[in-house]
Amino acid sequence: MDWTFEDFKTKLDRLQPSVRKKACDIAIELVRNNDYSLEEAITEGIKQAEEWFYDLEG
């Protein structure tokens, strides 16, 4: 499957590059391993990636 997120570009563009990559990685795993639609996975991936980033920053 080709994992391009062009439909969600505006949601992803506002993120820092490391957070964007983490969000995409999380979204891919959510779609592959769970019953998430791509839109739900992107939304959840962004949420989890932002939490991950804030945890790193302390």
PDB file of N, CA and C in Angstrom:
ATOM      1  N   MET A   1       0.851  -1.182   0.000  1.00  0.00           N
ATOM      2  CA  MET A   1       0.000   0.000   0.000  1.00  0.00           C
ATOM      3  C   MET A   1       0.891   1.237   0.000  1.00  0.00           C
ATOM      4  N   ASP A   2       0.521   2.213  -0.785  1.00  0.00           N
ATOM      5  CA  ASP A   2       1.273   3.464  -0.872  1.00  0.00           C
ATOM      6  C   ASP A   2       0.791   4.405   0.232  1.00  0.00           C
ATOM      7  N   TRP A   3       1.688   4.731   1.142  1.00  0.00           N
ATOM      8  CA  TRP A   3       1.328   5.558   2.295  1.00  0.00           C
ATOM      9  C   TRP A   3       1.657   7.012   2.031  1.00  0.00           C
ATOM     10  N   THR A   4       0.853   7.648   1.236  1.00  0.00           N
ATOM     11  CA  THR A   4       0.967   9.088   1.065  1.00  0.00           C
ATOM     12  C   THR A   4      -0.208   9.718   1.791  1.00  0.00           C
ATOM     13  N   PHE A   5       0.035  10.851   2.381  1.00  0.00           N
ATOM     14  CA  PHE A   5      -0.982  11.492   3.193  1.00  0.00           C
ATOM     15  C   PHE A   5      -1.374  12.840   2.601  1.00  0.00           C
ATOM     16  N   GLU A   6      -1.433  12.918   1.293  1.00  0.00           N
ATOM     17  CA  GLU A   6      -1.741  14.180   0.619  1.00  0.00           C
ATOM     18  C   GLU A   6      -3.093  14.752   1.038  1.00  0.00           C
ATOM     19  N   ASP A   7      -4.074  13.897   1.297  1.00  0.00           N
ATOM     20  CA  ASP A   7      -5.400  14.377   1.702  1.00  0.00           C
ATOM     21  C   ASP A   7      -5.360  15.051   3.071  1.00  0.00           C
ATOM     22  N   PHE A   8      -4.315  14.774   3.837  1.00  0.00           N
ATOM     23  CA  PHE A   8      -4.203  15.286   5.195  1.00  0.00           C
ATOM     24  C   PHE A   8      -3.044  16.265   5.324  1.00  0.00           C
ATOM     25  N   LYS A   9      -2.574  16.761   4.187  1.00  0.00           N
ATOM     26  CA  LYS A   9      -1.402  17.630   4.149  1.00  0.00           C
ATOM     27  C   LYS A   9      -1.550  18.847   5.065  1.00  0.00           C
ATOM     28  N   THR A  10      -2.698  19.474   5.098  1.00  0.00           N
ATOM     29  CA  THR A  10      -2.858  20.669   5.933  1.00  0.00           C
ATOM     30  C   THR A  10      -2.738  20.335   7.415  1.00  0.00           C
ATOM     31  N   LYS A  11      -3.241  19.182   7.828  1.00  0.00           N
ATOM     32  CA  LYS A  11      -3.112  18.781   9.226  1.00  0.00           C
ATOM     33  C   LYS A  11      -1.657  18.491   9.573  1.00  0.00           C
ATOM     34  N   LEU A  12      -0.935  17.879   8.643  1.00  0.00           N
ATOM     35  CA  LEU A  12       0.439  17.469   8.907  1.00  0.00           C
ATOM     36  C   LEU A  12       1.433  18.607   8.739  1.00  0.00           C
ATOM     37  N   ASP A  13       1.144  19.555   7.866  1.00  0.00           N
ATOM     38  CA  ASP A  13       2.086  20.646   7.584  1.00  0.00           C
ATOM     39  C   ASP A  13       2.359  21.533   8.787  1.00  0.00           C
ATOM     40  N   ARG A  14       1.446  21.620   9.701  1.00  0.00           N
ATOM     41  CA  ARG A  14       1.641  22.500  10.854  1.00  0.00           C
ATOM     42  C   ARG A  14       2.570  21.888  11.907  1.00  0.00           C
ATOM     43  N   LEU A  15       2.939  20.624  11.717  1.00  0.00           N
ATOM     44  CA  LEU A  15       3.779  19.931  12.687  1.00  0.00           C
ATOM     45  C   LEU A  15       5.258  20.087  12.367  1.00  0.00           C
ATOM     46  N   GLN A  16       6.071  20.023  13.398  1.00  0.00           N
ATOM     47  CA  GLN A  16       7.507  19.984  13.189  1.00  0.00           C
ATOM     48  C   GLN A  16       7.843  18.678  12.467  1.00  0.00           C
ATOM     49  N   PRO A  17       8.935  18.654  11.704  1.00  0.00           N
ATOM     50  CA  PRO A  17       9.263  17.450  10.917  1.00  0.00           C
ATOM     51  C   PRO A  17       9.343  16.159  11.741  1.00  0.00           C
ATOM     52  N   SER A  18       9.948  16.200  12.917  1.00  0.00           N
ATOM     53  CA  SER A  18      10.056  14.973  13.717  1.00  0.00           C
ATOM     54  C   SER A  18       8.693  14.509  14.216  1.00  0.00           C
ATOM     55  N   VAL A  19       7.822  15.463  14.558  1.00  0.00           N
ATOM     56  CA  VAL A  19       6.484  15.124  15.020  1.00  0.00           C
ATOM     57  C   VAL A  19       5.649  14.612  13.847  1.00  0.00           C
ATOM     58  N   ARG A  20       5.810  15.213  12.685  1.00  0.00           N
ATOM     59  CA  ARG A  20       5.085  14.769  11.482  1.00  0.00           C
ATOM     60  C   ARG A  20       5.447  13.324  11.144  1.00  0.00           C
ATOM     61  N   LYS A  21       6.733  13.005  11.184  1.00  0.00           N
ATOM     62  CA  LYS A  21       7.165  11.641  10.887  1.00  0.00           C
ATOM     63  C   LYS A  21       6.593  10.668  11.904  1.00  0.00           C
ATOM     64  N   LYS A  22       6.651  11.032  13.171  1.00  0.00           N
ATOM     65  CA  LYS A  22       6.115  10.170  14.228  1.00  0.00           C
ATOM     66  C   LYS A  22       4.610   9.976  14.037  1.00  0.00           C
ATOM     67  N   ALA A  23       3.888  11.031  13.690  1.00  0.00           N
ATOM     68  CA  ALA A  23       2.444  10.939  13.463  1.00  0.00           C
ATOM     69  C   ALA A  23       2.133   9.992  12.310  1.00  0.00           C
ATOM     70  N   CYS A  24       2.897  10.084  11.242  1.00  0.00           N
ATOM     71  CA  CYS A  24       2.693   9.187  10.097  1.00  0.00           C
ATOM     72  C   CYS A  24       3.003   7.750  10.468  1.00  0.00           C
ATOM     73  N   ASP A  25       4.084   7.537  11.205  1.00  0.00           N
ATOM     74  CA  ASP A  25       4.438   6.185  11.641  1.00  0.00           C
ATOM     75  C   ASP A  25       3.335   5.584  12.517  1.00  0.00           C
ATOM     76  N   ILE A  26       2.828   6.381  13.432  1.00  0.00           N
ATOM     77  CA  ILE A  26       1.747   5.913  14.314  1.00  0.00           C
ATOM     78  C   ILE A  26       0.501   5.612  13.491  1.00  0.00           C
ATOM     79  N   ALA A  27       0.160   6.506  12.565  1.00  0.00           N
ATOM     80  CA  ALA A  27      -1.038   6.314  11.731  1.00  0.00           C
ATOM     81  C   ALA A  27      -0.938   5.034  10.910  1.00  0.00           C
ATOM     82  N   ILE A  28       0.223   4.770  10.356  1.00  0.00           N
ATOM     83  CA  ILE A  28       0.417   3.543   9.575  1.00  0.00           C
ATOM     84  C   ILE A  28       0.165   2.316  10.444  1.00  0.00           C
ATOM     85  N   GLU A  29       0.711   2.318  11.638  1.00  0.00           N
ATOM     86  CA  GLU A  29       0.513   1.183  12.546  1.00  0.00           C
ATOM     87  C   GLU A  29      -0.953   1.041  12.954  1.00  0.00           C
ATOM     88  N   LEU A  30      -1.635   2.145  13.189  1.00  0.00           N
ATOM     89  CA  LEU A  30      -3.051   2.085  13.575  1.00  0.00           C
ATOM     90  C   LEU A  30      -3.905   1.498  12.461  1.00  0.00           C
ATOM     91  N   VAL A  31      -3.605   1.866  11.227  1.00  0.00           N
ATOM     92  CA  VAL A  31      -4.381   1.334  10.100  1.00  0.00           C
ATOM     93  C   VAL A  31      -4.067  -0.152   9.898  1.00  0.00           C
ATOM     94  N   ARG A  32      -2.802  -0.504  10.004  1.00  0.00           N
ATOM     95  CA  ARG A  32      -2.401  -1.901   9.783  1.00  0.00           C
ATOM     96  C   ARG A  32      -2.892  -2.833  10.890  1.00  0.00           C
ATOM     97  N   ASN A  33      -2.827  -2.398  12.120  1.00  0.00           N
ATOM     98  CA  ASN A  33      -3.064  -3.302  13.246  1.00  0.00           C
ATOM     99  C   ASN A  33      -4.400  -3.122  13.943  1.00  0.00           C
ATOM    100  N   ASN A  34      -5.150  -2.127  13.566  1.00  0.00           N
ATOM    101  CA  ASN A  34      -6.426  -1.851  14.227  1.00  0.00           C
ATOM    102  C   ASN A  34      -7.473  -1.523  13.186  1.00  0.00           C
ATOM    103  N   ASP A  35      -8.662  -1.289  13.646  1.00  0.00           N
ATOM    104  CA  ASP A  35      -9.761  -0.956  12.740  1.00  0.00           C
ATOM    105  C   ASP A  35      -9.944   0.546  12.634  1.00  0.00           C
ATOM    106  N   TYR A  36      -8.876   1.247  12.252  1.00  0.00           N
ATOM    107  CA  TYR A  36      -8.933   2.696  12.083  1.00  0.00           C
ATOM    108  C   TYR A  36      -9.044   3.018  10.598  1.00  0.00           C
ATOM    109  N   SER A  37      -9.888   3.991  10.288  1.00  0.00           N
ATOM    110  CA  SER A  37      -9.870   4.541   8.932  1.00  0.00           C
ATOM    111  C   SER A  37      -8.623   5.413   8.834  1.00  0.00           C
ATOM    112  N   LEU A  38      -8.240   5.792   7.640  1.00  0.00           N
ATOM    113  CA  LEU A  38      -7.048   6.613   7.465  1.00  0.00           C
ATOM    114  C   LEU A  38      -7.217   7.959   8.168  1.00  0.00           C
ATOM    115  N   GLU A  39      -8.389   8.558   8.064  1.00  0.00           N
ATOM    116  CA  GLU A  39      -8.632   9.846   8.730  1.00  0.00           C
ATOM    117  C   GLU A  39      -8.552   9.718  10.249  1.00  0.00           C
ATOM    118  N   GLU A  40      -9.171   8.692  10.801  1.00  0.00           N
ATOM    119  CA  GLU A  40      -9.094   8.467  12.248  1.00  0.00           C
ATOM    120  C   GLU A  40      -7.657   8.215  12.691  1.00  0.00           C
ATOM    121  N   ALA A  41      -6.923   7.451  11.885  1.00  0.00           N
ATOM    122  CA  ALA A  41      -5.541   7.133  12.215  1.00  0.00           C
ATOM    123  C   ALA A  41      -4.661   8.376  12.192  1.00  0.00           C
ATOM    124  N   ILE A  42      -4.871   9.261  11.225  1.00  0.00           N
ATOM    125  CA  ILE A  42      -4.090  10.497  11.167  1.00  0.00           C
ATOM    126  C   ILE A  42      -4.396  11.364  12.384  1.00  0.00           C
ATOM    127  N   THR A  43      -5.651  11.505  12.712  1.00  0.00           N
ATOM    128  CA  THR A  43      -6.034  12.315  13.872  1.00  0.00           C
ATOM    129  C   THR A  43      -5.414  11.760  15.147  1.00  0.00           C
ATOM    130  N   GLU A  44      -5.526  10.460  15.338  1.00  0.00           N
ATOM    131  CA  GLU A  44      -4.955   9.832  16.530  1.00  0.00           C
ATOM    132  C   GLU A  44      -3.425   9.869  16.485  1.00  0.00           C
ATOM    133  N   GLY A  45      -2.859   9.670  15.306  1.00  0.00           N
ATOM    134  CA  GLY A  45      -1.407   9.728  15.162  1.00  0.00           C
ATOM    135  C   GLY A  45      -0.853  11.092  15.526  1.00  0.00           C
ATOM    136  N   ILE A  46      -1.526  12.143  15.102  1.00  0.00           N
ATOM    137  CA  ILE A  46      -1.097  13.503  15.444  1.00  0.00           C
ATOM    138  C   ILE A  46      -1.185  13.711  16.955  1.00  0.00           C
ATOM    139  N   LYS A  47      -2.274  13.275  17.537  1.00  0.00           N
ATOM    140  CA  LYS A  47      -2.450  13.428  18.988  1.00  0.00           C
ATOM    141  C   LYS A  47      -1.335  12.710  19.749  1.00  0.00           C
ATOM    142  N   GLN A  48      -1.085  11.464  19.395  1.00  0.00           N
ATOM    143  CA  GLN A  48      -0.059  10.687  20.088  1.00  0.00           C
ATOM    144  C   GLN A  48       1.337  11.245  19.829  1.00  0.00           C
ATOM    145  N   ALA A  49       1.604  11.701  18.608  1.00  0.00           N
ATOM    146  CA  ALA A  49       2.922  12.258  18.287  1.00  0.00           C
ATOM    147  C   ALA A  49       3.165  13.553  19.050  1.00  0.00           C
ATOM    148  N   GLU A  50       2.140  14.376  19.194  1.00  0.00           N
ATOM    149  CA  GLU A  50       2.296  15.605  19.973  1.00  0.00           C
ATOM    150  C   GLU A  50       2.560  15.277  21.440  1.00  0.00           C
ATOM    151  N   GLU A  51       1.854  14.288  21.972  1.00  0.00           N
ATOM    152  CA  GLU A  51       2.104  13.863  23.351  1.00  0.00           C
ATOM    153  C   GLU A  51       3.527  13.334  23.497  1.00  0.00           C
ATOM    154  N   TRP A  52       3.976  12.550  22.534  1.00  0.00           N
ATOM    155  CA  TRP A  52       5.337  12.017  22.515  1.00  0.00           C
ATOM    156  C   TRP A  52       6.348  13.171  22.543  1.00  0.00           C
ATOM    157  N   PHE A  53       6.115  14.175  21.712  1.00  0.00           N
ATOM    158  CA  PHE A  53       7.023  15.309  21.636  1.00  0.00           C
ATOM    159  C   PHE A  53       7.062  16.083  22.957  1.00  0.00           C
ATOM    160  N   TYR A  54       5.896  16.332  23.536  1.00  0.00           N
ATOM    161  CA  TYR A  54       5.846  17.069  24.804  1.00  0.00           C
ATOM    162  C   TYR A  54       6.511  16.282  25.921  1.00  0.00           C
ATOM    163  N   ASP A  55       6.379  14.962  25.897  1.00  0.00           N
ATOM    164  CA  ASP A  55       7.061  14.133  26.891  1.00  0.00           C
ATOM    165  C   ASP A  55       8.573  14.236  26.742  1.00  0.00           C
ATOM    166  N   LEU A  56       9.066  14.313  25.511  1.00  0.00           N
ATOM    167  CA  LEU A  56      10.500  14.464  25.265  1.00  0.00           C
ATOM    168  C   LEU A  56      11.019  15.797  25.799  1.00  0.00           C
ATOM    169  N   GLU A  57      10.198  16.816  25.647  1.00  0.00           N
ATOM    170  CA  GLU A  57      10.599  18.156  26.043  1.00  0.00           C
ATOM    171  C   GLU A  57      10.541  18.338  27.567  1.00  0.00           C
ATOM    172  N   GLY A  58       9.815  17.473  28.242  1.00  0.00           N
ATOM    173  CA  GLY A  58       9.732  17.541  29.705  1.00  0.00           C
ATOM    174  C   GLY A  58       8.751  18.530  30.146  1.00  0.00           C
TER     175      GLY A  58
END
